PDB file of all heavy atoms in Angstrom:
ATOM      1  N   MET A   1      11.950  10.493 -10.760  1.00  0.00           N
ATOM      2  CA  MET A   1      13.353  10.115 -10.617  1.00  0.00           C
ATOM      3  C   MET A   1      13.615   8.791 -11.311  1.00  0.00           C
ATOM      4  O   MET A   1      12.708   7.967 -11.486  1.00  0.00           O
ATOM      5  CB  MET A   1      13.756   9.982  -9.143  1.00  0.00           C
ATOM      6  CG  MET A   1      13.895  11.273  -8.395  1.00  0.00           C
ATOM      7  SD  MET A   1      14.770  11.088  -6.797  1.00  0.00           S
ATOM      8  CE  MET A   1      16.491  11.043  -7.345  1.00  0.00           C
ATOM      9  N   LEU A   2      14.869   8.602 -11.697  1.00  0.00           N
ATOM     10  CA  LEU A   2      15.377   7.317 -12.164  1.00  0.00           C
ATOM     11  C   LEU A   2      16.633   6.973 -11.384  1.00  0.00           C
ATOM     12  O   LEU A   2      17.493   7.839 -11.172  1.00  0.00           O
ATOM     13  CB  LEU A   2      15.715   7.362 -13.655  1.00  0.00           C
ATOM     14  CG  LEU A   2      14.560   7.288 -14.657  1.00  0.00           C
ATOM     15  CD1 LEU A   2      15.062   7.602 -16.056  1.00  0.00           C
ATOM     16  CD2 LEU A   2      13.881   5.921 -14.612  1.00  0.00           C
ATOM     17  N   PHE A   3      16.725   5.725 -10.946  1.00  0.00           N
ATOM     18  CA  PHE A   3      17.931   5.188 -10.328  1.00  0.00           C
ATOM     19  C   PHE A   3      18.390   3.989 -11.152  1.00  0.00           C
ATOM     20  O   PHE A   3      17.566   3.234 -11.670  1.00  0.00           O
ATOM     21  CB  PHE A   3      17.658   4.722  -8.891  1.00  0.00           C
ATOM     22  CG  PHE A   3      17.421   5.834  -7.909  1.00  0.00           C
ATOM     23  CD1 PHE A   3      16.155   6.354  -7.724  1.00  0.00           C
ATOM     24  CD2 PHE A   3      18.467   6.349  -7.152  1.00  0.00           C
ATOM     25  CE1 PHE A   3      15.921   7.367  -6.809  1.00  0.00           C
ATOM     26  CE2 PHE A   3      18.251   7.363  -6.234  1.00  0.00           C
ATOM     27  CZ  PHE A   3      16.976   7.876  -6.065  1.00  0.00           C
ATOM     28  N   SER A   4      19.706   3.793 -11.231  1.00  0.00           N
ATOM     29  CA  SER A   4      20.237   2.681 -12.007  1.00  0.00           C
ATOM     30  C   SER A   4      21.556   2.204 -11.426  1.00  0.00           C
ATOM     31  O   SER A   4      22.377   3.010 -10.982  1.00  0.00           O
ATOM     32  CB  SER A   4      20.453   3.108 -13.467  1.00  0.00           C
ATOM     33  OG  SER A   4      21.170   2.125 -14.189  1.00  0.00           O
ATOM     34  N   ARG A   5      21.764   0.901 -11.435  1.00  0.00           N
ATOM     35  CA  ARG A   5      23.060   0.357 -10.996  1.00  0.00           C
ATOM     36  C   ARG A   5      24.159   0.685 -12.002  1.00  0.00           C
ATOM     37  O   ARG A   5      25.344   0.643 -11.660  1.00  0.00           O
ATOM     38  CB  ARG A   5      22.970  -1.158 -10.829  1.00  0.00           C
ATOM     39  CG  ARG A   5      22.077  -1.598  -9.698  1.00  0.00           C
ATOM     40  CD  ARG A   5      22.360  -3.029  -9.285  1.00  0.00           C
ATOM     41  NE  ARG A   5      21.338  -3.507  -8.382  1.00  0.00           N
ATOM     42  CZ  ARG A   5      21.287  -3.247  -7.077  1.00  0.00           C
ATOM     43  NH1 ARG A   5      22.219  -2.489  -6.535  1.00  0.00           N
ATOM     44  NH2 ARG A   5      20.316  -3.737  -6.333  1.00  0.00           N
ATOM     45  N   TRP A   6      23.762   0.975 -13.235  1.00  0.00           N
ATOM     46  CA  TRP A   6      24.714   1.324 -14.276  1.00  0.00           C
ATOM     47  C   TRP A   6      24.594   2.820 -14.567  1.00  0.00           C
ATOM     48  O   TRP A   6      23.533   3.403 -14.390  1.00  0.00           O
ATOM     49  CB  TRP A   6      24.439   0.501 -15.530  1.00  0.00           C
ATOM     50  CG  TRP A   6      24.395  -0.971 -15.230  1.00  0.00           C
ATOM     51  CD1 TRP A   6      25.446  -1.792 -14.958  1.00  0.00           C
ATOM     52  CD2 TRP A   6      23.212  -1.787 -15.127  1.00  0.00           C
ATOM     53  NE1 TRP A   6      24.998  -3.075 -14.697  1.00  0.00           N
ATOM     54  CE2 TRP A   6      23.630  -3.097 -14.792  1.00  0.00           C
ATOM     55  CE3 TRP A   6      21.848  -1.548 -15.280  1.00  0.00           C
ATOM     56  CZ2 TRP A   6      22.740  -4.150 -14.618  1.00  0.00           C
ATOM     57  CZ3 TRP A   6      20.948  -2.594 -15.104  1.00  0.00           C
ATOM     58  CH2 TRP A   6      21.401  -3.875 -14.777  1.00  0.00           C
ATOM     59  N   PRO A   7      25.664   3.449 -15.022  1.00  0.00           N
ATOM     60  CA  PRO A   7      25.609   4.889 -15.254  1.00  0.00           C
ATOM     61  C   PRO A   7      24.483   5.290 -16.211  1.00  0.00           C
ATOM     62  O   PRO A   7      24.177   4.586 -17.171  1.00  0.00           O
ATOM     63  CB  PRO A   7      26.986   5.192 -15.862  1.00  0.00           C
ATOM     64  CG  PRO A   7      27.871   4.105 -15.341  1.00  0.00           C
ATOM     65  CD  PRO A   7      27.012   2.883 -15.260  1.00  0.00           C
ATOM     66  N   ILE A   8      23.864   6.417 -15.919  1.00  0.00           N
ATOM     67  CA  ILE A   8      22.830   6.990 -16.780  1.00  0.00           C
ATOM     68  C   ILE A   8      23.545   7.973 -17.702  1.00  0.00           C
ATOM     69  O   ILE A   8      23.908   9.082 -17.298  1.00  0.00           O
ATOM     70  CB  ILE A   8      21.740   7.673 -15.946  1.00  0.00           C
ATOM     71  CG1 ILE A   8      21.126   6.651 -14.963  1.00  0.00           C
ATOM     72  CG2 ILE A   8      20.662   8.264 -16.844  1.00  0.00           C
ATOM     73  CD1 ILE A   8      20.170   7.272 -13.954  1.00  0.00           C
ATOM     74  N   ALA A   9      23.750   7.559 -18.941  1.00  0.00           N
ATOM     75  CA  ALA A   9      24.605   8.320 -19.856  1.00  0.00           C
ATOM     76  C   ALA A   9      24.021   9.685 -20.194  1.00  0.00           C
ATOM     77  O   ALA A   9      24.765  10.657 -20.365  1.00  0.00           O
ATOM     78  CB  ALA A   9      24.841   7.510 -21.135  1.00  0.00           C
ATOM     79  N   SER A  10      22.708   9.770 -20.311  1.00  0.00           N
ATOM     80  CA  SER A  10      22.078  11.052 -20.612  1.00  0.00           C
ATOM     81  C   SER A  10      20.641  11.017 -20.119  1.00  0.00           C
ATOM     82  O   SER A  10      20.079   9.955 -19.866  1.00  0.00           O
ATOM     83  CB  SER A  10      22.116  11.358 -22.116  1.00  0.00           C
ATOM     84  OG  SER A  10      21.277  10.463 -22.826  1.00  0.00           O
ATOM     85  N   SER A  11      20.036  12.193 -19.989  1.00  0.00           N
ATOM     86  CA  SER A  11      18.632  12.252 -19.574  1.00  0.00           C
ATOM     87  C   SER A  11      17.984  13.495 -20.175  1.00  0.00           C
ATOM     88  O   SER A  11      18.656  14.482 -20.498  1.00  0.00           O
ATOM     89  CB  SER A  11      18.496  12.277 -18.049  1.00  0.00           C
ATOM     90  OG  SER A  11      18.945  13.506 -17.513  1.00  0.00           O
ATOM     91  N   ARG A  12      16.678  13.400 -20.334  1.00  0.00           N
ATOM     92  CA  ARG A  12      15.857  14.535 -20.768  1.00  0.00           C
ATOM     93  C   ARG A  12      14.543  14.478 -19.998  1.00  0.00           C
ATOM     94  O   ARG A  12      14.036  13.397 -19.685  1.00  0.00           O
ATOM     95  CB  ARG A  12      15.548  14.478 -22.272  1.00  0.00           C
ATOM     96  CG  ARG A  12      16.734  14.631 -23.183  1.00  0.00           C
ATOM     97  CD  ARG A  12      16.299  14.768 -24.640  1.00  0.00           C
ATOM     98  NE  ARG A  12      15.562  13.599 -25.110  1.00  0.00           N
ATOM     99  CZ  ARG A  12      14.991  13.511 -26.324  1.00  0.00           C
ATOM    100  NH1 ARG A  12      15.071  14.538 -27.165  1.00  0.00           N
ATOM    101  NH2 ARG A  12      14.354  12.410 -26.679  1.00  0.00           N
ATOM    102  N   ASN A  13      13.973  15.636 -19.713  1.00  0.00           N
ATOM    103  CA  ASN A  13      12.669  15.711 -19.063  1.00  0.00           C
ATOM    104  C   ASN A  13      11.643  16.107 -20.129  1.00  0.00           C
ATOM    105  O   ASN A  13      11.654  17.252 -20.610  1.00  0.00           O
ATOM    106  CB  ASN A  13      12.696  16.740 -17.931  1.00  0.00           C
ATOM    107  CG  ASN A  13      11.631  16.478 -16.894  1.00  0.00           C
ATOM    108  OD1 ASN A  13      11.211  15.344 -16.694  1.00  0.00           O
ATOM    109  ND2 ASN A  13      11.188  17.514 -16.217  1.00  0.00           N
ATOM    110  N   LEU A  14      10.784  15.172 -20.505  1.00  0.00           N
ATOM    111  CA  LEU A  14       9.810  15.407 -21.563  1.00  0.00           C
ATOM    112  C   LEU A  14       8.499  15.860 -20.936  1.00  0.00           C
ATOM    113  O   LEU A  14       7.803  15.078 -20.275  1.00  0.00           O
ATOM    114  CB  LEU A  14       9.589  14.125 -22.375  1.00  0.00           C
ATOM    115  CG  LEU A  14      10.847  13.453 -22.939  1.00  0.00           C
ATOM    116  CD1 LEU A  14      10.449  12.224 -23.746  1.00  0.00           C
ATOM    117  CD2 LEU A  14      11.649  14.420 -23.797  1.00  0.00           C
ATOM    118  N   LEU A  15       8.147  17.127 -21.128  1.00  0.00           N
ATOM    119  CA  LEU A  15       6.903  17.655 -20.582  1.00  0.00           C
ATOM    120  C   LEU A  15       5.729  17.171 -21.429  1.00  0.00           C
ATOM    121  O   LEU A  15       5.785  17.193 -22.657  1.00  0.00           O
ATOM    122  CB  LEU A  15       6.948  19.175 -20.537  1.00  0.00           C
ATOM    123  CG  LEU A  15       8.080  19.791 -19.707  1.00  0.00           C
ATOM    124  CD1 LEU A  15       7.955  21.305 -19.689  1.00  0.00           C
ATOM    125  CD2 LEU A  15       8.083  19.234 -18.289  1.00  0.00           C
ATOM    126  N   LEU A  16       4.657  16.746 -20.762  1.00  0.00           N
ATOM    127  CA  LEU A  16       3.500  16.175 -21.441  1.00  0.00           C
ATOM    128  C   LEU A  16       2.396  17.216 -21.589  1.00  0.00           C
ATOM    129  O   LEU A  16       2.283  18.135 -20.773  1.00  0.00           O
ATOM    130  CB  LEU A  16       2.982  14.962 -20.653  1.00  0.00           C
ATOM    131  CG  LEU A  16       4.006  13.833 -20.465  1.00  0.00           C
ATOM    132  CD1 LEU A  16       3.428  12.739 -19.587  1.00  0.00           C
ATOM    133  CD2 LEU A  16       4.461  13.267 -21.806  1.00  0.00           C
ATOM    134  N   PRO A  17       1.551  17.091 -22.607  1.00  0.00           N
ATOM    135  CA  PRO A  17       0.468  18.058 -22.806  1.00  0.00           C
ATOM    136  C   PRO A  17      -0.453  18.130 -21.598  1.00  0.00           C
ATOM    137  O   PRO A  17      -0.657  17.139 -20.897  1.00  0.00           O
ATOM    138  CB  PRO A  17      -0.279  17.508 -24.033  1.00  0.00           C
ATOM    139  CG  PRO A  17       0.665  16.582 -24.697  1.00  0.00           C
ATOM    140  CD  PRO A  17       1.537  16.031 -23.623  1.00  0.00           C
ATOM    141  N   ARG A  18      -1.011  19.295 -21.360  1.00  0.00           N
ATOM    142  CA  ARG A  18      -1.931  19.466 -20.245  1.00  0.00           C
ATOM    143  C   ARG A  18      -2.990  20.482 -20.621  1.00  0.00           C
ATOM    144  O   ARG A  18      -2.863  21.201 -21.620  1.00  0.00           O
ATOM    145  CB  ARG A  18      -1.206  19.908 -18.971  1.00  0.00           C
ATOM    146  CG  ARG A  18      -0.483  21.236 -19.090  1.00  0.00           C
ATOM    147  CD  ARG A  18       0.239  21.601 -17.799  1.00  0.00           C
ATOM    148  NE  ARG A  18      -0.670  21.678 -16.680  1.00  0.00           N
ATOM    149  CZ  ARG A  18      -1.368  22.762 -16.366  1.00  0.00           C
ATOM    150  NH1 ARG A  18      -1.269  23.855 -17.093  1.00  0.00           N
ATOM    151  NH2 ARG A  18      -2.161  22.773 -15.322  1.00  0.00           N
ATOM    152  N   SER A  19      -4.051  20.539 -19.826  1.00  0.00           N
ATOM    153  CA  SER A  19      -5.126  21.498 -20.058  1.00  0.00           C
ATOM    154  C   SER A  19      -5.345  22.320 -18.795  1.00  0.00           C
ATOM    155  O   SER A  19      -5.088  21.857 -17.681  1.00  0.00           O
ATOM    156  CB  SER A  19      -6.419  20.773 -20.450  1.00  0.00           C
ATOM    157  OG  SER A  19      -6.758  19.791 -19.495  1.00  0.00           O
ATOM    158  N   ARG A  20      -5.837  23.516 -18.987  1.00  0.00           N
ATOM    159  CA  ARG A  20      -6.039  24.432 -17.869  1.00  0.00           C
ATOM    160  C   ARG A  20      -7.318  24.063 -17.118  1.00  0.00           C
ATOM    161  O   ARG A  20      -8.372  23.874 -17.715  1.00  0.00           O
ATOM    162  CB  ARG A  20      -6.145  25.860 -18.393  1.00  0.00           C
ATOM    163  CG  ARG A  20      -6.205  26.913 -17.301  1.00  0.00           C
ATOM    164  CD  ARG A  20      -6.236  28.301 -17.914  1.00  0.00           C
ATOM    165  NE  ARG A  20      -6.221  29.334 -16.888  1.00  0.00           N
ATOM    166  CZ  ARG A  20      -6.264  30.636 -17.164  1.00  0.00           C
ATOM    167  NH1 ARG A  20      -6.329  31.044 -18.419  1.00  0.00           N
ATOM    168  NH2 ARG A  20      -6.249  31.526 -16.181  1.00  0.00           N
ATOM    169  N   THR A  21      -7.218  23.970 -15.786  1.00  0.00           N
ATOM    170  CA  THR A  21      -8.384  23.653 -14.958  1.00  0.00           C
ATOM    171  C   THR A  21      -8.699  24.833 -14.045  1.00  0.00           C
ATOM    172  O   THR A  21      -7.833  25.669 -13.774  1.00  0.00           O
ATOM    173  CB  THR A  21      -8.147  22.400 -14.107  1.00  0.00           C
ATOM    174  OG1 THR A  21      -6.997  22.626 -13.263  1.00  0.00           O
ATOM    175  CG2 THR A  21      -7.900  21.171 -14.971  1.00  0.00           C
ATOM    176  N   TYR A  22      -9.942  24.848 -13.539  1.00  0.00           N
ATOM    177  CA  TYR A  22     -10.372  25.909 -12.638  1.00  0.00           C
ATOM    178  C   TYR A  22     -10.892  25.371 -11.306  1.00  0.00           C
ATOM    179  O   TYR A  22     -10.930  26.098 -10.318  1.00  0.00           O
ATOM    180  CB  TYR A  22     -11.468  26.749 -13.306  1.00  0.00           C
ATOM    181  CG  TYR A  22     -10.960  27.577 -14.462  1.00  0.00           C
ATOM    182  CD1 TYR A  22     -10.929  27.052 -15.749  1.00  0.00           C
ATOM    183  CD2 TYR A  22     -10.490  28.876 -14.275  1.00  0.00           C
ATOM    184  CE1 TYR A  22     -10.467  27.805 -16.817  1.00  0.00           C
ATOM    185  CE2 TYR A  22     -10.022  29.635 -15.329  1.00  0.00           C
ATOM    186  CZ  TYR A  22     -10.010  29.095 -16.606  1.00  0.00           C
ATOM    187  OH  TYR A  22      -9.544  29.838 -17.662  1.00  0.00           O
ATOM    188  N   ASP A  23     -11.297  24.109 -11.271  1.00  0.00           N
ATOM    189  CA  ASP A  23     -11.941  23.581 -10.067  1.00  0.00           C
ATOM    190  C   ASP A  23     -11.099  22.535  -9.350  1.00  0.00           C
ATOM    191  O   ASP A  23     -11.422  22.135  -8.244  1.00  0.00           O
ATOM    192  CB  ASP A  23     -13.302  22.972 -10.419  1.00  0.00           C
ATOM    193  CG  ASP A  23     -13.182  21.805 -11.389  1.00  0.00           C
ATOM    194  OD1 ASP A  23     -12.185  21.752 -12.137  1.00  0.00           O
ATOM    195  OD2 ASP A  23     -14.095  20.951 -11.395  1.00  0.00           O
ATOM    196  N   LYS A  24     -10.009  22.078  -9.951  1.00  0.00           N
ATOM    197  CA  LYS A  24      -9.174  21.056  -9.324  1.00  0.00           C
ATOM    198  C   LYS A  24      -7.746  21.238  -9.796  1.00  0.00           C
ATOM    199  O   LYS A  24      -7.508  21.593 -10.964  1.00  0.00           O
ATOM    200  CB  LYS A  24      -9.684  19.649  -9.676  1.00  0.00           C
ATOM    201  CG  LYS A  24      -9.110  18.554  -8.788  1.00  0.00           C
ATOM    202  CD  LYS A  24      -9.848  17.245  -8.992  1.00  0.00           C
ATOM    203  CE  LYS A  24      -9.320  16.154  -8.054  1.00  0.00           C
ATOM    204  NZ  LYS A  24      -9.571  16.458  -6.645  1.00  0.00           N
ATOM    205  N   ALA A  25      -6.802  21.029  -8.884  1.00  0.00           N
ATOM    206  CA  ALA A  25      -5.393  21.239  -9.223  1.00  0.00           C
ATOM    207  C   ALA A  25      -4.957  20.310 -10.354  1.00  0.00           C
ATOM    208  O   ALA A  25      -5.248  19.106 -10.324  1.00  0.00           O
ATOM    209  CB  ALA A  25      -4.515  21.013  -7.995  1.00  0.00           C
ATOM    210  N   ASN A  26      -4.262  20.870 -11.314  1.00  0.00           N
ATOM    211  CA  ASN A  26      -3.721  20.103 -12.432  1.00  0.00           C
ATOM    212  C   ASN A  26      -2.255  20.478 -12.580  1.00  0.00           C
ATOM    213  O   ASN A  26      -1.926  21.543 -13.093  1.00  0.00           O
ATOM    214  CB  ASN A  26      -4.494  20.399 -13.714  1.00  0.00           C
ATOM    215  CG  ASN A  26      -4.025  19.542 -14.878  1.00  0.00           C
ATOM    216  OD1 ASN A  26      -3.280  18.596 -14.707  1.00  0.00           O
ATOM    217  ND2 ASN A  26      -4.460  19.891 -16.080  1.00  0.00           N
ATOM    218  N   LEU A  27      -1.388  19.610 -12.099  1.00  0.00           N
ATOM    219  CA  LEU A  27       0.046  19.866 -12.116  1.00  0.00           C
ATOM    220  C   LEU A  27       0.637  19.426 -13.445  1.00  0.00           C
ATOM    221  O   LEU A  27       0.159  18.466 -14.059  1.00  0.00           O
ATOM    222  CB  LEU A  27       0.744  19.132 -10.979  1.00  0.00           C
ATOM    223  CG  LEU A  27       0.574  19.664  -9.553  1.00  0.00           C
ATOM    224  CD1 LEU A  27      -0.840  19.490  -9.066  1.00  0.00           C
ATOM    225  CD2 LEU A  27       1.547  18.959  -8.618  1.00  0.00           C
ATOM    226  N   GLN A  28       1.660  20.126 -13.889  1.00  0.00           N
ATOM    227  CA  GLN A  28       2.388  19.710 -15.080  1.00  0.00           C
ATOM    228  C   GLN A  28       2.953  18.307 -14.865  1.00  0.00           C
ATOM    229  O   GLN A  28       3.528  18.005 -13.823  1.00  0.00           O
ATOM    230  CB  GLN A  28       3.529  20.683 -15.369  1.00  0.00           C
ATOM    231  CG  GLN A  28       4.429  20.267 -16.519  1.00  0.00           C
ATOM    232  CD  GLN A  28       3.725  20.293 -17.859  1.00  0.00           C
ATOM    233  OE1 GLN A  28       3.194  21.313 -18.264  1.00  0.00           O
ATOM    234  NE2 GLN A  28       3.702  19.157 -18.536  1.00  0.00           N
ATOM    235  N   ARG A  29       2.776  17.446 -15.842  1.00  0.00           N
ATOM    236  CA  ARG A  29       3.298  16.075 -15.772  1.00  0.00           C
ATOM    237  C   ARG A  29       4.412  15.901 -16.804  1.00  0.00           C
ATOM    238  O   ARG A  29       4.511  16.655 -17.777  1.00  0.00           O
ATOM    239  CB  ARG A  29       2.183  15.058 -16.021  1.00  0.00           C
ATOM    240  CG  ARG A  29       0.975  15.192 -15.096  1.00  0.00           C
ATOM    241  CD  ARG A  29       1.349  15.098 -13.631  1.00  0.00           C
ATOM    242  NE  ARG A  29       0.231  15.379 -12.758  1.00  0.00           N
ATOM    243  CZ  ARG A  29      -0.518  14.446 -12.161  1.00  0.00           C
ATOM    244  NH1 ARG A  29      -0.255  13.169 -12.345  1.00  0.00           N
ATOM    245  NH2 ARG A  29      -1.521  14.803 -11.387  1.00  0.00           N
ATOM    246  N   ALA A  30       5.225  14.859 -16.583  1.00  0.00           N
ATOM    247  CA  ALA A  30       6.388  14.662 -17.446  1.00  0.00           C
ATOM    248  C   ALA A  30       6.774  13.192 -17.495  1.00  0.00           C
ATOM    249  O   ALA A  30       6.302  12.363 -16.704  1.00  0.00           O
ATOM    250  CB  ALA A  30       7.567  15.495 -16.935  1.00  0.00           C
ATOM    251  N   ALA A  31       7.641  12.902 -18.449  1.00  0.00           N
ATOM    252  CA  ALA A  31       8.299  11.596 -18.530  1.00  0.00           C
ATOM    253  C   ALA A  31       9.802  11.863 -18.507  1.00  0.00           C
ATOM    254  O   ALA A  31      10.328  12.557 -19.379  1.00  0.00           O
ATOM    255  CB  ALA A  31       7.899  10.864 -19.804  1.00  0.00           C
ATOM    256  N   LEU A  32      10.476  11.332 -17.492  1.00  0.00           N
ATOM    257  CA  LEU A  32      11.919  11.521 -17.364  1.00  0.00           C
ATOM    258  C   LEU A  32      12.624  10.394 -18.107  1.00  0.00           C
ATOM    259  O   LEU A  32      12.449   9.220 -17.785  1.00  0.00           O
ATOM    260  CB  LEU A  32      12.324  11.518 -15.891  1.00  0.00           C
ATOM    261  CG  LEU A  32      13.818  11.629 -15.606  1.00  0.00           C
ATOM    262  CD1 LEU A  32      14.392  12.936 -16.143  1.00  0.00           C
ATOM    263  CD2 LEU A  32      14.092  11.498 -14.111  1.00  0.00           C
ATOM    264  N   GLU A  33      13.394  10.767 -19.111  1.00  0.00           N
ATOM    265  CA  GLU A  33      14.075   9.799 -19.978  1.00  0.00           C
ATOM    266  C   GLU A  33      15.519   9.614 -19.528  1.00  0.00           C
ATOM    267  O   GLU A  33      16.231  10.597 -19.291  1.00  0.00           O
ATOM    268  CB  GLU A  33      14.036  10.322 -21.406  1.00  0.00           C
ATOM    269  CG  GLU A  33      14.869   9.558 -22.414  1.00  0.00           C
ATOM    270  CD  GLU A  33      14.960  10.335 -23.719  1.00  0.00           C
ATOM    271  OE1 GLU A  33      14.028  10.218 -24.535  1.00  0.00           O
ATOM    272  OE2 GLU A  33      15.953  11.092 -23.900  1.00  0.00           O
ATOM    273  N   GLY A  34      15.946   8.359 -19.417  1.00  0.00           N
ATOM    274  CA  GLY A  34      17.335   8.060 -19.102  1.00  0.00           C
ATOM    275  C   GLY A  34      17.902   7.065 -20.089  1.00  0.00           C
ATOM    276  O   GLY A  34      17.259   6.049 -20.390  1.00  0.00           O
ATOM    277  N   LEU A  35      19.073   7.356 -20.615  1.00  0.00           N
ATOM    278  CA  LEU A  35      19.788   6.433 -21.504  1.00  0.00           C
ATOM    279  C   LEU A  35      20.789   5.657 -20.658  1.00  0.00           C
ATOM    280  O   LEU A  35      21.719   6.236 -20.097  1.00  0.00           O
ATOM    281  CB  LEU A  35      20.504   7.208 -22.613  1.00  0.00           C
ATOM    282  CG  LEU A  35      21.426   6.400 -23.527  1.00  0.00           C
ATOM    283  CD1 LEU A  35      20.651   5.334 -24.291  1.00  0.00           C
ATOM    284  CD2 LEU A  35      22.165   7.323 -24.493  1.00  0.00           C
ATOM    285  N   ILE A  36      20.579   4.349 -20.561  1.00  0.00           N
ATOM    286  CA  ILE A  36      21.366   3.505 -19.667  1.00  0.00           C
ATOM    287  C   ILE A  36      22.007   2.385 -20.481  1.00  0.00           C
ATOM    288  O   ILE A  36      21.324   1.709 -21.259  1.00  0.00           O
ATOM    289  CB  ILE A  36      20.478   2.903 -18.554  1.00  0.00           C
ATOM    290  CG1 ILE A  36      19.743   4.019 -17.801  1.00  0.00           C
ATOM    291  CG2 ILE A  36      21.317   2.060 -17.599  1.00  0.00           C
ATOM    292  CD1 ILE A  36      18.708   3.505 -16.819  1.00  0.00           C
ATOM    293  N   VAL A  37      23.306   2.189 -20.313  1.00  0.00           N
ATOM    294  CA  VAL A  37      24.003   1.084 -20.978  1.00  0.00           C
ATOM    295  C   VAL A  37      23.973  -0.116 -20.031  1.00  0.00           C
ATOM    296  O   VAL A  37      24.697  -0.159 -19.040  1.00  0.00           O
ATOM    297  CB  VAL A  37      25.438   1.473 -21.345  1.00  0.00           C
ATOM    298  CG1 VAL A  37      26.130   0.324 -22.075  1.00  0.00           C
ATOM    299  CG2 VAL A  37      25.447   2.724 -22.218  1.00  0.00           C
ATOM    300  N   THR A  38      23.134  -1.084 -20.338  1.00  0.00           N
ATOM    301  CA  THR A  38      22.862  -2.227 -19.471  1.00  0.00           C
ATOM    302  C   THR A  38      23.478  -3.494 -20.047  1.00  0.00           C
ATOM    303  O   THR A  38      23.957  -3.498 -21.191  1.00  0.00           O
ATOM    304  CB  THR A  38      21.342  -2.430 -19.339  1.00  0.00           C
ATOM    305  OG1 THR A  38      20.839  -3.056 -20.538  1.00  0.00           O
ATOM    306  CG2 THR A  38      20.621  -1.112 -19.116  1.00  0.00           C
TER     307      THR A  38
END
């Protein structure tokens, strides 16, 4: 999540590369991008 005192003009969820696992949980990770006029 992103929170801002100023409006978040736009956002994108950037999915990050991952590899398949068999012995331990590996959840998809991401970077949430927010364009904020500060």
